[in-house]
């Protein structure tokens, strides 16, 4: 994620060590790579999420709605 060099590793290798000096947990490195890829592509052009918006008032709680504690 630091310099763009691909470093092959087995699944048992949990740390990404690059010749440029970058040392990260392999999952952190992968997450940074995915984030950078999304940023370079401009993100997703539309939102496909649907659902019901739920809001609560300040001081309101699930108990006041009849939910068990």
N, C-alpha and C. Protein backbone atom coordinates (compact mmCIF):
# COMPACT_ATOMS: atom_id res chain seq x y z
N UNK A 1 0.83 -1.21 0.00
CA UNK A 1 0.00 0.00 0.00
C UNK A 1 0.86 1.25 0.00
N UNK A 2 2.11 1.13 0.38
CA UNK A 2 2.97 2.31 0.47
C UNK A 2 3.58 2.69 -0.88
N UNK A 3 4.14 1.69 -1.59
CA UNK A 3 4.86 2.01 -2.84
C UNK A 3 4.26 1.35 -4.07
N UNK A 4 3.35 0.40 -3.89
CA UNK A 4 2.71 -0.25 -5.03
C UNK A 4 3.34 -1.56 -5.45
N UNK A 5 4.45 -1.95 -4.84
CA UNK A 5 5.10 -3.22 -5.18
C UNK A 5 4.27 -4.37 -4.61
N UNK A 6 4.03 -5.40 -5.43
CA UNK A 6 3.29 -6.57 -4.97
C UNK A 6 4.27 -7.54 -4.34
N UNK A 7 3.99 -7.92 -3.10
CA UNK A 7 4.85 -8.86 -2.37
C UNK A 7 4.06 -10.15 -2.18
N UNK A 8 4.47 -11.21 -2.86
CA UNK A 8 3.80 -12.51 -2.72
C UNK A 8 4.09 -13.07 -1.34
N UNK A 9 3.07 -13.70 -0.75
CA UNK A 9 3.24 -14.32 0.56
C UNK A 9 2.24 -15.45 0.70
N UNK A 10 2.56 -16.40 1.55
CA UNK A 10 1.64 -17.51 1.82
C UNK A 10 0.57 -17.02 2.80
N UNK A 11 -0.50 -17.80 2.93
CA UNK A 11 -1.57 -17.42 3.85
C UNK A 11 -1.11 -17.43 5.31
N UNK A 12 -0.08 -18.19 5.61
CA UNK A 12 0.40 -18.24 6.99
C UNK A 12 1.24 -17.02 7.37
N UNK A 13 1.67 -16.25 6.37
CA UNK A 13 2.44 -15.04 6.63
C UNK A 13 1.47 -13.91 6.97
N UNK A 14 1.52 -13.40 8.19
CA UNK A 14 0.54 -12.41 8.65
C UNK A 14 1.03 -10.97 8.55
N UNK A 15 2.32 -10.76 8.22
CA UNK A 15 2.87 -9.40 8.16
C UNK A 15 3.34 -9.10 6.75
N UNK A 16 3.00 -7.92 6.27
CA UNK A 16 3.46 -7.44 4.97
C UNK A 16 4.76 -6.67 5.20
N UNK A 17 5.85 -7.18 4.62
CA UNK A 17 7.14 -6.53 4.70
C UNK A 17 7.60 -6.22 3.28
N UNK A 18 7.76 -4.96 2.96
CA UNK A 18 8.13 -4.54 1.61
C UNK A 18 9.58 -4.04 1.59
N UNK A 19 10.16 -4.07 0.39
CA UNK A 19 11.53 -3.58 0.23
C UNK A 19 11.62 -2.08 0.50
N UNK A 20 10.51 -1.37 0.42
CA UNK A 20 10.52 0.08 0.67
C UNK A 20 10.54 0.40 2.16
N UNK A 21 10.39 -0.64 3.01
CA UNK A 21 10.41 -0.43 4.45
C UNK A 21 9.04 -0.48 5.11
N UNK A 22 7.99 -0.59 4.31
CA UNK A 22 6.62 -0.67 4.84
C UNK A 22 6.42 -2.01 5.55
N UNK A 23 5.99 -1.96 6.81
CA UNK A 23 5.69 -3.17 7.58
C UNK A 23 4.32 -3.00 8.22
N UNK A 24 3.36 -3.81 7.78
CA UNK A 24 1.99 -3.74 8.27
C UNK A 24 1.43 -5.15 8.42
N UNK A 25 0.40 -5.29 9.26
CA UNK A 25 -0.37 -6.53 9.28
C UNK A 25 -0.96 -6.68 7.88
N UNK A 26 -0.98 -7.89 7.34
CA UNK A 26 -1.41 -8.07 5.95
C UNK A 26 -2.86 -7.62 5.73
N UNK A 27 -3.74 -7.77 6.73
CA UNK A 27 -5.12 -7.33 6.58
C UNK A 27 -5.22 -5.81 6.53
N UNK A 28 -4.39 -5.12 7.32
CA UNK A 28 -4.36 -3.66 7.30
C UNK A 28 -3.88 -3.18 5.94
N UNK A 29 -2.83 -3.82 5.43
CA UNK A 29 -2.31 -3.46 4.12
C UNK A 29 -3.37 -3.67 3.03
N UNK A 30 -4.08 -4.79 3.10
CA UNK A 30 -5.13 -5.07 2.12
C UNK A 30 -6.25 -4.04 2.20
N UNK A 31 -6.64 -3.66 3.41
CA UNK A 31 -7.70 -2.66 3.59
C UNK A 31 -7.29 -1.31 3.00
N UNK A 32 -6.03 -0.93 3.20
CA UNK A 32 -5.54 0.33 2.63
C UNK A 32 -5.55 0.25 1.11
N UNK A 33 -5.14 -0.90 0.55
CA UNK A 33 -5.16 -1.07 -0.90
C UNK A 33 -6.57 -0.95 -1.46
N UNK A 34 -7.55 -1.56 -0.80
CA UNK A 34 -8.94 -1.49 -1.25
C UNK A 34 -9.46 -0.05 -1.17
N UNK A 35 -9.15 0.64 -0.07
CA UNK A 35 -9.57 2.04 0.08
C UNK A 35 -8.96 2.90 -1.02
N UNK A 36 -7.67 2.73 -1.30
CA UNK A 36 -7.01 3.52 -2.34
C UNK A 36 -7.59 3.22 -3.71
N UNK A 37 -7.93 1.96 -3.98
CA UNK A 37 -8.55 1.59 -5.25
C UNK A 37 -9.90 2.29 -5.42
N UNK A 38 -10.70 2.29 -4.35
CA UNK A 38 -12.01 2.94 -4.41
C UNK A 38 -11.86 4.45 -4.61
N UNK A 39 -10.90 5.06 -3.93
CA UNK A 39 -10.68 6.50 -4.09
C UNK A 39 -10.24 6.85 -5.51
N UNK A 40 -9.38 6.02 -6.09
CA UNK A 40 -8.90 6.27 -7.44
C UNK A 40 -9.97 6.08 -8.49
N UNK A 41 -10.97 5.27 -8.20
CA UNK A 41 -12.07 5.06 -9.13
C UNK A 41 -13.20 6.05 -8.91
N UNK A 42 -13.08 6.89 -7.92
CA UNK A 42 -14.11 7.89 -7.66
C UNK A 42 -15.25 7.36 -6.81
N UNK A 43 -15.06 6.23 -6.19
CA UNK A 43 -16.11 5.68 -5.34
C UNK A 43 -17.21 5.05 -6.16
N UNK A 44 -18.29 4.72 -5.53
CA UNK A 44 -19.43 4.11 -6.19
C UNK A 44 -20.33 5.22 -6.73
N UNK A 45 -20.75 5.13 -7.99
CA UNK A 45 -21.53 6.22 -8.58
C UNK A 45 -22.93 6.40 -8.03
N UNK A 46 -23.47 5.36 -7.41
CA UNK A 46 -24.82 5.49 -6.85
C UNK A 46 -24.94 4.66 -5.59
N UNK A 47 -25.96 4.94 -4.82
CA UNK A 47 -26.21 4.19 -3.61
C UNK A 47 -27.36 3.23 -3.87
N UNK A 48 -27.16 1.96 -3.62
CA UNK A 48 -28.20 0.96 -3.85
C UNK A 48 -28.84 0.49 -2.55
N UNK A 49 -28.46 1.10 -1.43
CA UNK A 49 -28.99 0.67 -0.15
C UNK A 49 -30.43 1.14 0.01
N UNK A 50 -31.24 0.28 0.59
CA UNK A 50 -32.62 0.65 0.90
C UNK A 50 -32.90 0.23 2.33
N UNK A 51 -33.88 0.82 2.90
CA UNK A 51 -34.22 0.45 4.28
C UNK A 51 -35.05 1.53 4.91
N UNK A 52 -35.34 1.32 6.15
CA UNK A 52 -36.15 2.25 6.92
C UNK A 52 -35.24 3.04 7.83
N UNK A 53 -35.34 4.34 7.74
CA UNK A 53 -34.55 5.17 8.64
C UNK A 53 -35.17 5.18 10.02
N UNK A 54 -34.35 4.99 11.02
CA UNK A 54 -34.83 4.99 12.40
C UNK A 54 -34.08 6.08 13.15
N UNK A 55 -34.83 6.90 13.83
CA UNK A 55 -34.18 7.91 14.65
C UNK A 55 -34.76 7.84 16.06
N UNK A 56 -33.97 8.21 17.01
CA UNK A 56 -34.44 8.24 18.39
C UNK A 56 -34.23 9.64 18.94
N UNK A 57 -35.08 10.01 19.83
CA UNK A 57 -34.96 11.31 20.47
C UNK A 57 -33.93 11.24 21.58
N UNK A 58 -33.28 12.34 21.86
CA UNK A 58 -32.33 12.38 22.95
C UNK A 58 -33.05 12.04 24.24
N UNK A 59 -32.47 11.11 24.99
CA UNK A 59 -33.08 10.69 26.24
C UNK A 59 -34.06 9.55 26.08
N UNK A 60 -34.43 9.22 24.84
CA UNK A 60 -35.34 8.12 24.60
C UNK A 60 -34.56 6.81 24.70
N UNK A 61 -35.23 5.76 25.04
CA UNK A 61 -34.55 4.47 25.15
C UNK A 61 -35.45 3.37 24.60
N UNK A 62 -34.86 2.22 24.34
CA UNK A 62 -35.61 1.07 23.86
C UNK A 62 -36.65 0.64 24.88
N UNK A 63 -36.36 0.84 26.16
CA UNK A 63 -37.30 0.45 27.21
C UNK A 63 -38.61 1.23 27.08
N UNK A 64 -38.54 2.51 26.72
CA UNK A 64 -39.76 3.30 26.60
C UNK A 64 -40.59 2.86 25.40
N UNK A 65 -40.01 2.09 24.49
CA UNK A 65 -40.75 1.58 23.34
C UNK A 65 -41.34 0.22 23.62
N UNK A 66 -41.11 -0.32 24.82
CA UNK A 66 -41.66 -1.62 25.17
C UNK A 66 -40.70 -2.76 24.98
N UNK A 67 -39.44 -2.49 24.63
CA UNK A 67 -38.46 -3.56 24.47
C UNK A 67 -37.94 -3.95 25.85
N UNK A 68 -37.60 -5.23 26.01
CA UNK A 68 -37.05 -5.65 27.30
C UNK A 68 -35.68 -5.04 27.55
N UNK A 69 -35.29 -4.88 28.81
CA UNK A 69 -33.99 -4.27 29.13
C UNK A 69 -32.84 -5.14 28.71
